[in-house]
Amino acid sequence: MLFDKIGFTIDIEFSVWIGNRNQGGRKIVWILSLGNEHLLGQDGLKYRRYAYMIMLITEEKTFMAIATIPVPVEMEALAISTGIDCNNPGIFSEYCDYFNKMFKTFSAAHLVNFAY
């Protein structure tokens, strides 16, 4: 797969390909992918790279938007294993701020859909 060769693996559970031949062959593609290797940040933390790509495709043109963000491995592990209550974040308020930035970044790319 192409993404594996450039250092990313597609998360099939959160990726969608939709095509409609009845509407001129228009297609929409949403792809969430994860970097295959960790990055070492200037702060000494390990990070995973997330990339979210959306493509709007017709026979005449293609439009693509990509959003990327590195997420600290320990933050990701905590969120997956125990969850983080960002309504009452307590000591995890910095994590909630970071995840909020992540969701805003990906939402901005996703909202390109409305141009289709």
PDB file of N, CA and C in Angstrom:
ATOM      1  N   MET A   1       0.846  -1.181   0.000  1.00  0.00           N
ATOM      2  CA  MET A   1       0.000   0.000   0.000  1.00  0.00           C
ATOM      3  C   MET A   1       0.893   1.245   0.000  1.00  0.00           C
ATOM      4  N   LEU A   2       0.526   2.249  -0.762  1.00  0.00           N
ATOM      5  CA  LEU A   2       1.322   3.466  -0.914  1.00  0.00           C
ATOM      6  C   LEU A   2       1.623   4.137   0.419  1.00  0.00           C
ATOM      7  N   PHE A   3       0.623   4.247   1.290  1.00  0.00           N
ATOM      8  CA  PHE A   3       0.828   4.958   2.550  1.00  0.00           C
ATOM      9  C   PHE A   3       1.891   4.282   3.402  1.00  0.00           C
ATOM     10  N   ASP A   4       1.936   2.935   3.389  1.00  0.00           N
ATOM     11  CA  ASP A   4       2.955   2.231   4.159  1.00  0.00           C
ATOM     12  C   ASP A   4       4.350   2.601   3.681  1.00  0.00           C
ATOM     13  N   LYS A   5       4.500   2.829   2.383  1.00  0.00           N
ATOM     14  CA  LYS A   5       5.805   3.150   1.820  1.00  0.00           C
ATOM     15  C   LYS A   5       6.268   4.561   2.189  1.00  0.00           C
ATOM     16  N   ILE A   6       5.336   5.461   2.489  1.00  0.00           N
ATOM     17  CA  ILE A   6       5.731   6.822   2.857  1.00  0.00           C
ATOM     18  C   ILE A   6       5.672   7.053   4.359  1.00  0.00           C
ATOM     19  N   GLY A   7       5.498   5.976   5.117  1.00  0.00           N
ATOM     20  CA  GLY A   7       5.595   6.086   6.560  1.00  0.00           C
ATOM     21  C   GLY A   7       4.286   6.209   7.314  1.00  0.00           C
ATOM     22  N   PHE A   8       3.155   5.973   6.667  1.00  0.00           N
ATOM     23  CA  PHE A   8       1.855   6.045   7.321  1.00  0.00           C
ATOM     24  C   PHE A   8       1.060   4.777   7.060  1.00  0.00           C
ATOM     25  N   THR A   9       0.215   4.419   8.014  1.00  0.00           N
ATOM     26  CA  THR A   9      -0.711   3.306   7.845  1.00  0.00           C
ATOM     27  C   THR A   9      -2.122   3.843   7.985  1.00  0.00           C
ATOM     28  N   ILE A  10      -2.975   3.512   7.027  1.00  0.00           N
ATOM     29  CA  ILE A  10      -4.365   3.970   7.049  1.00  0.00           C
ATOM     30  C   ILE A  10      -5.128   3.235   8.135  1.00  0.00           C
ATOM     31  N   ASP A  11      -5.878   3.983   8.928  1.00  0.00           N
ATOM     32  CA  ASP A  11      -6.767   3.410   9.933  1.00  0.00           C
ATOM     33  C   ASP A  11      -8.098   3.139   9.230  1.00  0.00           C
ATOM     34  N   ILE A  12      -8.315   1.897   8.839  1.00  0.00           N
ATOM     35  CA  ILE A  12      -9.496   1.508   8.050  1.00  0.00           C
ATOM     36  C   ILE A  12     -10.798   1.789   8.803  1.00  0.00           C
ATOM     37  N   GLU A  13     -10.779   1.668  10.125  1.00  0.00           N
ATOM     38  CA  GLU A  13     -11.993   1.889  10.920  1.00  0.00           C
ATOM     39  C   GLU A  13     -12.501   3.333  10.813  1.00  0.00           C
ATOM     40  N   PHE A  14     -11.593   4.285  10.604  1.00  0.00           N
ATOM     41  CA  PHE A  14     -11.972   5.694  10.543  1.00  0.00           C
ATOM     42  C   PHE A  14     -11.726   6.312   9.166  1.00  0.00           C
ATOM     43  N   SER A  15     -11.729   5.486   8.120  1.00  0.00           N
ATOM     44  CA  SER A  15     -11.530   5.967   6.751  1.00  0.00           C
ATOM     45  C   SER A  15     -12.696   5.508   5.885  1.00  0.00           C
ATOM     46  N   VAL A  16     -13.128   6.386   4.974  1.00  0.00           N
ATOM     47  CA  VAL A  16     -14.323   6.103   4.169  1.00  0.00           C
ATOM     48  C   VAL A  16     -14.076   6.536   2.728  1.00  0.00           C
ATOM     49  N   TRP A  17     -14.509   5.712   1.774  1.00  0.00           N
ATOM     50  CA  TRP A  17     -14.486   6.045   0.353  1.00  0.00           C
ATOM     51  C   TRP A  17     -15.917   5.965  -0.142  1.00  0.00           C
ATOM     52  N   ILE A  18     -16.444   7.050  -0.682  1.00  0.00           N
ATOM     53  CA  ILE A  18     -17.817   7.078  -1.179  1.00  0.00           C
ATOM     54  C   ILE A  18     -17.790   7.564  -2.630  1.00  0.00           C
ATOM     55  N   GLY A  19     -18.420   6.812  -3.517  1.00  0.00           N
ATOM     56  CA  GLY A  19     -18.497   7.216  -4.918  1.00  0.00           C
ATOM     57  C   GLY A  19     -19.926   7.100  -5.412  1.00  0.00           C
ATOM     58  N   ASN A  20     -20.290   7.948  -6.379  1.00  0.00           N
ATOM     59  CA  ASN A  20     -21.638   7.927  -6.922  1.00  0.00           C
ATOM     60  C   ASN A  20     -21.560   8.138  -8.429  1.00  0.00           C
ATOM     61  N   ARG A  21     -21.726   7.078  -9.175  1.00  0.00           N
ATOM     62  CA  ARG A  21     -21.667   7.163 -10.639  1.00  0.00           C
ATOM     63  C   ARG A  21     -22.854   7.924 -11.214  1.00  0.00           C
ATOM     64  N   ASN A  22     -23.972   7.938 -10.511  1.00  0.00           N
ATOM     65  CA  ASN A  22     -25.165   8.623 -11.000  1.00  0.00           C
ATOM     66  C   ASN A  22     -25.027  10.136 -10.955  1.00  0.00           C
ATOM     67  N   GLN A  23     -24.042  10.632 -10.242  1.00  0.00           N
ATOM     68  CA  GLN A  23     -23.840  12.082 -10.131  1.00  0.00           C
ATOM     69  C   GLN A  23     -22.505  12.480 -10.756  1.00  0.00           C
ATOM     70  N   GLY A  24     -22.236  11.971 -11.952  1.00  0.00           N
ATOM     71  CA  GLY A  24     -21.022  12.357 -12.673  1.00  0.00           C
ATOM     72  C   GLY A  24     -19.744  11.753 -12.141  1.00  0.00           C
ATOM     73  N   GLY A  25     -19.826  10.629 -11.454  1.00  0.00           N
ATOM     74  CA  GLY A  25     -18.629   9.980 -10.941  1.00  0.00           C
ATOM     75  C   GLY A  25     -17.987  10.686  -9.767  1.00  0.00           C
ATOM     76  N   ARG A  26     -18.733  11.525  -9.062  1.00  0.00           N
ATOM     77  CA  ARG A  26     -18.179  12.252  -7.915  1.00  0.00           C
ATOM     78  C   ARG A  26     -17.848  11.287  -6.786  1.00  0.00           C
ATOM     79  N   LYS A  27     -16.726  11.556  -6.143  1.00  0.00           N
ATOM     80  CA  LYS A  27     -16.285  10.718  -5.033  1.00  0.00           C
ATOM     81  C   LYS A  27     -15.815  11.597  -3.893  1.00  0.00           C
ATOM     82  N   ILE A  28     -15.974  11.079  -2.682  1.00  0.00           N
ATOM     83  CA  ILE A  28     -15.443  11.716  -1.475  1.00  0.00           C
ATOM     84  C   ILE A  28     -14.607  10.666  -0.753  1.00  0.00           C
ATOM     85  N   VAL A  29     -13.441  11.068  -0.303  1.00  0.00           N
ATOM     86  CA  VAL A  29     -12.560  10.153   0.414  1.00  0.00           C
ATOM     87  C   VAL A  29     -12.107  10.838   1.695  1.00  0.00           C
ATOM     88  N   TRP A  30     -12.313  10.162   2.814  1.00  0.00           N
ATOM     89  CA  TRP A  30     -11.801  10.619   4.107  1.00  0.00           C
ATOM     90  C   TRP A  30     -10.811   9.565   4.581  1.00  0.00           C
ATOM     91  N   ILE A  31      -9.594   9.955   4.887  1.00  0.00           N
ATOM     92  CA  ILE A  31      -8.581   8.983   5.315  1.00  0.00           C
ATOM     93  C   ILE A  31      -7.910   9.483   6.592  1.00  0.00           C
ATOM     94  N   LEU A  32      -7.946   8.650   7.627  1.00  0.00           N
ATOM     95  CA  LEU A  32      -7.166   8.898   8.836  1.00  0.00           C
ATOM     96  C   LEU A  32      -5.996   7.933   8.801  1.00  0.00           C
ATOM     97  N   SER A  33      -4.796   8.449   8.976  1.00  0.00           N
ATOM     98  CA  SER A  33      -3.629   7.574   8.983  1.00  0.00           C
ATOM     99  C   SER A  33      -2.708   7.950  10.140  1.00  0.00           C
ATOM    100  N   LEU A  34      -1.915   6.972  10.534  1.00  0.00           N
ATOM    101  CA  LEU A  34      -0.991   7.131  11.658  1.00  0.00           C
ATOM    102  C   LEU A  34       0.425   6.897  11.175  1.00  0.00           C
ATOM    103  N   GLY A  35       1.352   7.705  11.667  1.00  0.00           N
ATOM    104  CA  GLY A  35       2.760   7.518  11.325  1.00  0.00           C
ATOM    105  C   GLY A  35       3.255   6.175  11.839  1.00  0.00           C
ATOM    106  N   ASN A  36       4.067   5.509  11.045  1.00  0.00           N
ATOM    107  CA  ASN A  36       4.575   4.189  11.422  1.00  0.00           C
ATOM    108  C   ASN A  36       5.680   4.245  12.468  1.00  0.00           C
ATOM    109  N   GLU A  37       6.321   5.402  12.609  1.00  0.00           N
ATOM    110  CA  GLU A  37       7.409   5.530  13.574  1.00  0.00           C
ATOM    111  C   GLU A  37       7.145   6.715  14.495  1.00  0.00           C
ATOM    112  N   HIS A  38       7.635   6.612  15.710  1.00  0.00           N
ATOM    113  CA  HIS A  38       7.518   7.731  16.650  1.00  0.00           C
ATOM    114  C   HIS A  38       8.528   8.816  16.294  1.00  0.00           C
ATOM    115  N   LEU A  39       8.157  10.036  16.617  1.00  0.00           N
ATOM    116  CA  LEU A  39       9.066  11.169  16.482  1.00  0.00           C
ATOM    117  C   LEU A  39       9.527  11.575  17.872  1.00  0.00           C
ATOM    118  N   LEU A  40      10.738  12.050  17.992  1.00  0.00           N
ATOM    119  CA  LEU A  40      11.225  12.558  19.274  1.00  0.00           C
ATOM    120  C   LEU A  40      11.150  14.068  19.228  1.00  0.00           C
ATOM    121  N   GLY A  41      10.349  14.646  20.125  1.00  0.00           N
ATOM    122  CA  GLY A  41      10.158  16.090  20.153  1.00  0.00           C
ATOM    123  C   GLY A  41      11.302  16.804  20.851  1.00  0.00           C
ATOM    124  N   GLN A  42      11.378  18.107  20.660  1.00  0.00           N
ATOM    125  CA  GLN A  42      12.409  18.917  21.320  1.00  0.00           C
ATOM    126  C   GLN A  42      12.231  18.893  22.830  1.00  0.00           C
ATOM    127  N   ASP A  43      11.028  18.544  23.283  1.00  0.00           N
ATOM    128  CA  ASP A  43      10.759  18.456  24.717  1.00  0.00           C
ATOM    129  C   ASP A  43      11.134  17.103  25.308  1.00  0.00           C
ATOM    130  N   GLY A  44      11.694  16.212  24.468  1.00  0.00           N
ATOM    131  CA  GLY A  44      12.117  14.898  24.937  1.00  0.00           C
ATOM    132  C   GLY A  44      11.016  13.849  24.916  1.00  0.00           C
ATOM    133  N   LEU A  45       9.787  14.232  24.547  1.00  0.00           N
ATOM    134  CA  LEU A  45       8.667  13.286  24.494  1.00  0.00           C
ATOM    135  C   LEU A  45       8.605  12.595  23.140  1.00  0.00           C
ATOM    136  N   LYS A  46       8.063  11.380  23.141  1.00  0.00           N
ATOM    137  CA  LYS A  46       7.801  10.663  21.893  1.00  0.00           C
ATOM    138  C   LYS A  46       6.424  11.063  21.383  1.00  0.00           C
ATOM    139  N   TYR A  47       6.315  11.231  20.070  1.00  0.00           N
ATOM    140  CA  TYR A  47       5.060  11.637  19.435  1.00  0.00           C
ATOM    141  C   TYR A  47       4.684  10.663  18.327  1.00  0.00           C
ATOM    142  N   ARG A  48       3.366  10.502  18.120  1.00  0.00           N
ATOM    143  CA  ARG A  48       2.844   9.796  16.947  1.00  0.00           C
ATOM    144  C   ARG A  48       2.270  10.837  16.016  1.00  0.00           C
ATOM    145  N   ARG A  49       2.496  10.675  14.727  1.00  0.00           N
ATOM    146  CA  ARG A  49       1.951  11.594  13.726  1.00  0.00           C
ATOM    147  C   ARG A  49       0.586  11.089  13.263  1.00  0.00           C
ATOM    148  N   TYR A  50      -0.393  11.959  13.331  1.00  0.00           N
ATOM    149  CA  TYR A  50      -1.716  11.679  12.782  1.00  0.00           C
ATOM    150  C   TYR A  50      -1.899  12.554  11.552  1.00  0.00           C
ATOM    151  N   ALA A  51      -2.475  11.992  10.519  1.00  0.00           N
ATOM    152  CA  ALA A  51      -2.783  12.759   9.313  1.00  0.00           C
ATOM    153  C   ALA A  51      -4.216  12.443   8.908  1.00  0.00           C
ATOM    154  N   TYR A  52      -4.970  13.488   8.609  1.00  0.00           N
ATOM    155  CA  TYR A  52      -6.348  13.337   8.144  1.00  0.00           C
ATOM    156  C   TYR A  52      -6.422  13.996   6.778  1.00  0.00           C
ATOM    157  N   MET A  53      -6.868  13.238   5.786  1.00  0.00           N
ATOM    158  CA  MET A  53      -6.934  13.749   4.425  1.00  0.00           C
ATOM    159  C   MET A  53      -8.352  13.576   3.897  1.00  0.00           C
ATOM    160  N   ILE A  54      -8.808  14.583   3.193  1.00  0.00           N
ATOM    161  CA  ILE A  54     -10.097  14.517   2.524  1.00  0.00           C
ATOM    162  C   ILE A  54      -9.869  14.863   1.059  1.00  0.00           C
ATOM    163  N   MET A  55     -10.472  14.081   0.188  1.00  0.00           N
ATOM    164  CA  MET A  55     -10.381  14.347  -1.249  1.00  0.00           C
ATOM    165  C   MET A  55     -11.785  14.410  -1.818  1.00  0.00           C
ATOM    166  N   LEU A  56     -12.038  15.426  -2.617  1.00  0.00           N
ATOM    167  CA  LEU A  56     -13.283  15.589  -3.340  1.00  0.00           C
ATOM    168  C   LEU A  56     -12.928  15.429  -4.812  1.00  0.00           C
ATOM    169  N   ILE A  57     -13.506  14.419  -5.467  1.00  0.00           N
ATOM    170  CA  ILE A  57     -13.053  14.032  -6.797  1.00  0.00           C
ATOM    171  C   ILE A  57     -14.223  14.027  -7.784  1.00  0.00           C
ATOM    172  N   THR A  58     -14.016  14.636  -8.937  1.00  0.00           N
ATOM    173  CA  THR A  58     -14.927  14.504 -10.080  1.00  0.00           C
ATOM    174  C   THR A  58     -14.062  14.105 -11.275  1.00  0.00           C
ATOM    175  N   GLU A  59     -14.696  13.879 -12.401  1.00  0.00           N
ATOM    176  CA  GLU A  59     -13.926  13.520 -13.591  1.00  0.00           C
ATOM    177  C   GLU A  59     -13.054  14.682 -14.056  1.00  0.00           C
ATOM    178  N   GLU A  60     -13.446  15.925 -13.755  1.00  0.00           N
ATOM    179  CA  GLU A  60     -12.713  17.092 -14.212  1.00  0.00           C
ATOM    180  C   GLU A  60     -11.665  17.603 -13.238  1.00  0.00           C
ATOM    181  N   LYS A  61     -11.876  17.396 -11.941  1.00  0.00           N
ATOM    182  CA  LYS A  61     -10.978  18.013 -10.968  1.00  0.00           C
ATOM    183  C   LYS A  61     -10.933  17.221  -9.671  1.00  0.00           C
ATOM    184  N   THR A  62      -9.908  17.520  -8.889  1.00  0.00           N
ATOM    185  CA  THR A  62      -9.745  16.915  -7.561  1.00  0.00           C
ATOM    186  C   THR A  62      -9.333  18.016  -6.604  1.00  0.00           C
ATOM    187  N   PHE A  63      -9.947  18.013  -5.428  1.00  0.00           N
ATOM    188  CA  PHE A  63      -9.580  18.951  -4.381  1.00  0.00           C
ATOM    189  C   PHE A  63      -9.178  18.131  -3.162  1.00  0.00           C
ATOM    190  N   MET A  64      -8.073  18.516  -2.525  1.00  0.00           N
ATOM    191  CA  MET A  64      -7.592  17.749  -1.380  1.00  0.00           C
ATOM    192  C   MET A  64      -7.212  18.693  -0.253  1.00  0.00           C
ATOM    193  N   ALA A  65      -7.556  18.306   0.962  1.00  0.00           N
ATOM    194  CA  ALA A  65      -7.136  19.029   2.161  1.00  0.00           C
ATOM    195  C   ALA A  65      -6.508  18.016   3.111  1.00  0.00           C
ATOM    196  N   ILE A  66      -5.414  18.410   3.736  1.00  0.00           N
ATOM    197  CA  ILE A  66      -4.725  17.519   4.676  1.00  0.00           C
ATOM    198  C   ILE A  66      -4.461  18.278   5.969  1.00  0.00           C
ATOM    199  N   ALA A  67      -4.742  17.615   7.073  1.00  0.00           N
ATOM    200  CA  ALA A  67      -4.426  18.166   8.394  1.00  0.00           C
ATOM    201  C   ALA A  67      -3.529  17.149   9.100  1.00  0.00           C
ATOM    202  N   THR A  68      -2.464  17.633   9.711  1.00  0.00           N
ATOM    203  CA  THR A  68      -1.579  16.742  10.455  1.00  0.00           C
ATOM    204  C   THR A  68      -1.325  17.330  11.835  1.00  0.00           C
ATOM    205  N   ILE A  69      -1.077  16.450  12.782  1.00  0.00           N
ATOM    206  CA  ILE A  69      -0.732  16.896  14.130  1.00  0.00           C
ATOM    207  C   ILE A  69       0.015  15.765  14.841  1.00  0.00           C
ATOM    208  N   PRO A  70       1.081  16.107  15.556  1.00  0.00           N
ATOM    209  CA  PRO A  70       1.757  15.100  16.376  1.00  0.00           C
ATOM    210  C   PRO A  70       1.075  15.019  17.746  1.00  0.00           C
ATOM    211  N   VAL A  71       0.924  13.810  18.258  1.00  0.00           N
ATOM    212  CA  VAL A  71       0.292  13.616  19.567  1.00  0.00           C
ATOM    213  C   VAL A  71       1.271  12.862  20.472  1.00  0.00           C
ATOM    214  N   PRO A  72       1.543  13.391  21.670  1.00  0.00           N
ATOM    215  CA  PRO A  72       2.442  12.689  22.591  1.00  0.00           C
ATOM    216  C   PRO A  72       1.929  11.277  22.891  1.00  0.00           C
ATOM    217  N   VAL A  73       2.829  10.309  22.830  1.00  0.00           N
ATOM    218  CA  VAL A  73       2.473   8.902  23.024  1.00  0.00           C
ATOM    219  C   VAL A  73       1.838   8.675  24.390  1.00  0.00           C
ATOM    220  N   GLU A  74       2.392   9.278  25.451  1.00  0.00           N
ATOM    221  CA  GLU A  74       1.837   9.049  26.800  1.00  0.00           C
ATOM    222  C   GLU A  74       0.429   9.640  26.922  1.00  0.00           C
ATOM    223  N   MET A  75       0.173  10.761  26.255  1.00  0.00           N
ATOM    224  CA  MET A  75      -1.150  11.380  26.273  1.00  0.00           C
ATOM    225  C   MET A  75      -2.154  10.483  25.545  1.00  0.00           C
ATOM    226  N   GLU A  76      -1.743   9.968  24.399  1.00  0.00           N
ATOM    227  CA  GLU A  76      -2.591   9.073  23.626  1.00  0.00           C
ATOM    228  C   GLU A  76      -2.901   7.792  24.425  1.00  0.00           C
ATOM    229  N   ALA A  77      -1.894   7.220  25.058  1.00  0.00           N
ATOM    230  CA  ALA A  77      -2.075   5.987  25.832  1.00  0.00           C
ATOM    231  C   ALA A  77      -3.041   6.198  26.997  1.00  0.00           C
ATOM    232  N   LEU A  78      -2.928   7.316  27.686  1.00  0.00           N
ATOM    233  CA  LEU A  78      -3.830   7.612  28.799  1.00  0.00           C
ATOM    234  C   LEU A  78      -5.264   7.775  28.296  1.00  0.00           C
ATOM    235  N   ALA A  79      -5.428   8.509  27.210  1.00  0.00           N
ATOM    236  CA  ALA A  79      -6.772   8.737  26.665  1.00  0.00           C
ATOM    237  C   ALA A  79      -7.413   7.424  26.221  1.00  0.00           C
ATOM    238  N   ILE A  80      -6.632   6.532  25.622  1.00  0.00           N
ATOM    239  CA  ILE A  80      -7.170   5.253  25.146  1.00  0.00           C
ATOM    240  C   ILE A  80      -7.457   4.309  26.308  1.00  0.00           C
ATOM    241  N   SER A  81      -6.545   4.239  27.273  1.00  0.00           N
ATOM    242  CA  SER A  81      -6.692   3.247  28.344  1.00  0.00           C
ATOM    243  C   SER A  81      -7.708   3.639  29.415  1.00  0.00           C
ATOM    244  N   THR A  82      -7.729   4.902  29.832  1.00  0.00           N
ATOM    245  CA  THR A  82      -8.613   5.284  30.934  1.00  0.00           C
ATOM    246  C   THR A  82      -9.613   6.367  30.564  1.00  0.00           C
ATOM    247  N   GLY A  83      -9.359   7.066  29.463  1.00  0.00           N
ATOM    248  CA  GLY A  83     -10.228   8.170  29.088  1.00  0.00           C
ATOM    249  C   GLY A  83      -9.858   9.426  29.859  1.00  0.00           C
ATOM    250  N   ILE A  84     -10.229  10.559  29.304  1.00  0.00           N
ATOM    251  CA  ILE A  84      -9.976  11.846  29.953  1.00  0.00           C
ATOM    252  C   ILE A  84     -11.287  12.624  29.936  1.00  0.00           C
ATOM    253  N   ASP A  85     -11.741  13.053  31.096  1.00  0.00           N
ATOM    254  CA  ASP A  85     -12.974  13.835  31.197  1.00  0.00           C
ATOM    255  C   ASP A  85     -12.623  15.306  31.037  1.00  0.00           C
ATOM    256  N   CYS A  86     -12.824  15.826  29.849  1.00  0.00           N
ATOM    257  CA  CYS A  86     -12.453  17.223  29.603  1.00  0.00           C
ATOM    258  C   CYS A  86     -13.511  18.203  30.097  1.00  0.00           C
ATOM    259  N   ASN A  87     -14.643  17.713  30.624  1.00  0.00           N
ATOM    260  CA  ASN A  87     -15.589  18.596  31.307  1.00  0.00           C
ATOM    261  C   ASN A  87     -15.084  18.935  32.701  1.00  0.00           C
ATOM    262  N   ASN A  88     -14.307  18.017  33.283  1.00  0.00           N
ATOM    263  CA  ASN A  88     -13.668  18.212  34.588  1.00  0.00           C
ATOM    264  C   ASN A  88     -12.233  17.697  34.485  1.00  0.00           C
ATOM    265  N   PRO A  89     -11.379  18.401  33.756  1.00  0.00           N
ATOM    266  CA  PRO A  89     -10.060  17.846  33.443  1.00  0.00           C
ATOM    267  C   PRO A  89      -9.077  17.776  34.605  1.00  0.00           C
ATOM    268  N   GLY A  90      -9.223  18.641  35.591  1.00  0.00           N
ATOM    269  CA  GLY A  90      -8.289  18.620  36.715  1.00  0.00           C
ATOM    270  C   GLY A  90      -6.853  18.732  36.240  1.00  0.00           C
ATOM    271  N   ILE A  91      -6.029  17.754  36.629  1.00  0.00           N
ATOM    272  CA  ILE A  91      -4.607  17.797  36.278  1.00  0.00           C
ATOM    273  C   ILE A  91      -4.360  17.536  34.786  1.00  0.00           C
ATOM    274  N   PHE A  92      -5.404  17.122  34.056  1.00  0.00           N
ATOM    275  CA  PHE A  92      -5.241  16.824  32.637  1.00  0.00           C
ATOM    276  C   PHE A  92      -5.712  17.959  31.732  1.00  0.00           C
ATOM    277  N   SER A  93      -5.824  19.169  32.261  1.00  0.00           N
ATOM    278  CA  SER A  93      -6.323  20.283  31.450  1.00  0.00           C
ATOM    279  C   SER A  93      -5.417  20.555  30.243  1.00  0.00           C
ATOM    280  N   GLU A  94      -4.122  20.365  30.393  1.00  0.00           N
ATOM    281  CA  GLU A  94      -3.204  20.560  29.270  1.00  0.00           C
ATOM    282  C   GLU A  94      -3.479  19.524  28.167  1.00  0.00           C
ATOM    283  N   TYR A  95      -3.787  18.286  28.572  1.00  0.00           N
ATOM    284  CA  TYR A  95      -4.117  17.236  27.597  1.00  0.00           C
ATOM    285  C   TYR A  95      -5.400  17.608  26.858  1.00  0.00           C
ATOM    286  N   CYS A  96      -6.389  18.096  27.593  1.00  0.00           N
ATOM    287  CA  CYS A  96      -7.662  18.476  26.973  1.00  0.00           C
ATOM    288  C   CYS A  96      -7.467  19.618  25.981  1.00  0.00           C
ATOM    289  N   ASP A  97      -6.627  20.580  26.329  1.00  0.00           N
ATOM    290  CA  ASP A  97      -6.331  21.678  25.409  1.00  0.00           C
ATOM    291  C   ASP A  97      -5.687  21.145  24.128  1.00  0.00           C
ATOM    292  N   TYR A  98      -4.794  20.186  24.275  1.00  0.00           N
ATOM    293  CA  TYR A  98      -4.106  19.615  23.115  1.00  0.00           C
ATOM    294  C   TYR A  98      -5.086  18.845  22.228  1.00  0.00           C
ATOM    295  N   PHE A  99      -5.941  18.012  22.839  1.00  0.00           N
ATOM    296  CA  PHE A  99      -6.924  17.251  22.055  1.00  0.00           C
ATOM    297  C   PHE A  99      -7.926  18.193  21.391  1.00  0.00           C
ATOM    298  N   ASN A 100      -8.274  19.286  22.066  1.00  0.00           N
ATOM    299  CA  ASN A 100      -9.171  20.273  21.477  1.00  0.00           C
ATOM    300  C   ASN A 100      -8.538  20.873  20.219  1.00  0.00           C
ATOM    301  N   LYS A 101      -7.238  21.158  20.285  1.00  0.00           N
ATOM    302  CA  LYS A 101      -6.523  21.682  19.115  1.00  0.00           C
ATOM    303  C   LYS A 101      -6.521  20.641  17.989  1.00  0.00           C
ATOM    304  N   MET A 102      -6.333  19.380  18.366  1.00  0.00           N
ATOM    305  CA  MET A 102      -6.333  18.300  17.373  1.00  0.00           C
ATOM    306  C   MET A 102      -7.685  18.214  16.664  1.00  0.00           C
ATOM    307  N   PHE A 103      -8.768  18.234  17.435  1.00  0.00           N
ATOM    308  CA  PHE A 103     -10.096  18.129  16.835  1.00  0.00           C
ATOM    309  C   PHE A 103     -10.433  19.350  15.985  1.00  0.00           C
ATOM    310  N   LYS A 104     -10.009  20.534  16.398  1.00  0.00           N
ATOM    311  CA  LYS A 104     -10.229  21.734  15.587  1.00  0.00           C
ATOM    312  C   LYS A 104      -9.475  21.642  14.266  1.00  0.00           C
ATOM    313  N   THR A 105      -8.255  21.136  14.327  1.00  0.00           N
ATOM    314  CA  THR A 105      -7.440  21.001  13.124  1.00  0.00           C
ATOM    315  C   THR A 105      -8.094  20.037  12.140  1.00  0.00           C
ATOM    316  N   PHE A 106      -8.512  18.871  12.634  1.00  0.00           N
ATOM    317  CA  PHE A 106      -9.139  17.887  11.748  1.00  0.00           C
ATOM    318  C   PHE A 106     -10.516  18.343  11.285  1.00  0.00           C
ATOM    319  N   SER A 107     -11.252  19.036  12.143  1.00  0.00           N
ATOM    320  CA  SER A 107     -12.579  19.547  11.747  1.00  0.00           C
ATOM    321  C   SER A 107     -12.465  20.571  10.630  1.00  0.00           C
ATOM    322  N   ALA A 108     -11.449  21.404  10.684  1.00  0.00           N
ATOM    323  CA  ALA A 108     -11.258  22.405   9.631  1.00  0.00           C
ATOM    324  C   ALA A 108     -11.057  21.732   8.280  1.00  0.00           C
ATOM    325  N   ALA A 109     -10.252  20.668   8.253  1.00  0.00           N
ATOM    326  CA  ALA A 109     -10.055  19.936   6.994  1.00  0.00           C
ATOM    327  C   ALA A 109     -11.342  19.231   6.580  1.00  0.00           C
ATOM    328  N   HIS A 110     -12.047  18.670   7.536  1.00  0.00           N
ATOM    329  CA  HIS A 110     -13.278  17.921   7.236  1.00  0.00           C
ATOM    330  C   HIS A 110     -14.368  18.820   6.657  1.00  0.00           C
ATOM    331  N   LEU A 111     -14.452  20.055   7.130  1.00  0.00           N
ATOM    332  CA  LEU A 111     -15.508  20.956   6.673  1.00  0.00           C
ATOM    333  C   LEU A 111     -15.379  21.336   5.200  1.00  0.00           C
ATOM    334  N   VAL A 112     -14.271  20.964   4.594  1.00  0.00           N
ATOM    335  CA  VAL A 112     -14.116  21.153   3.145  1.00  0.00           C
ATOM    336  C   VAL A 112     -15.219  20.389   2.404  1.00  0.00           C
ATOM    337  N   ASN A 113     -15.752  19.347   3.024  1.00  0.00           N
ATOM    338  CA  ASN A 113     -16.843  18.564   2.415  1.00  0.00           C
ATOM    339  C   ASN A 113     -17.981  19.421   1.923  1.00  0.00           C
ATOM    340  N   PHE A 114     -18.264  20.498   2.620  1.00  0.00           N
ATOM    341  CA  PHE A 114     -19.417  21.302   2.284  1.00  0.00           C
ATOM    342  C   PHE A 114     -19.228  22.071   0.974  1.00  0.00           C
ATOM    343  N   ALA A 115     -18.011  22.121   0.481  1.00  0.00           N
ATOM    344  CA  ALA A 115     -17.747  22.756  -0.809  1.00  0.00           C
ATOM    345  C   ALA A 115     -18.099  21.823  -1.972  1.00  0.00           C
ATOM    346  N   TYR A 116     -18.326  20.563  -1.675  1.00  0.00           N
ATOM    347  CA  TYR A 116     -18.548  19.549  -2.715  1.00  0.00           C
ATOM    348  C   TYR A 116     -19.919  19.647  -3.306  1.00  0.00           C
TER     349      TYR A 116
END
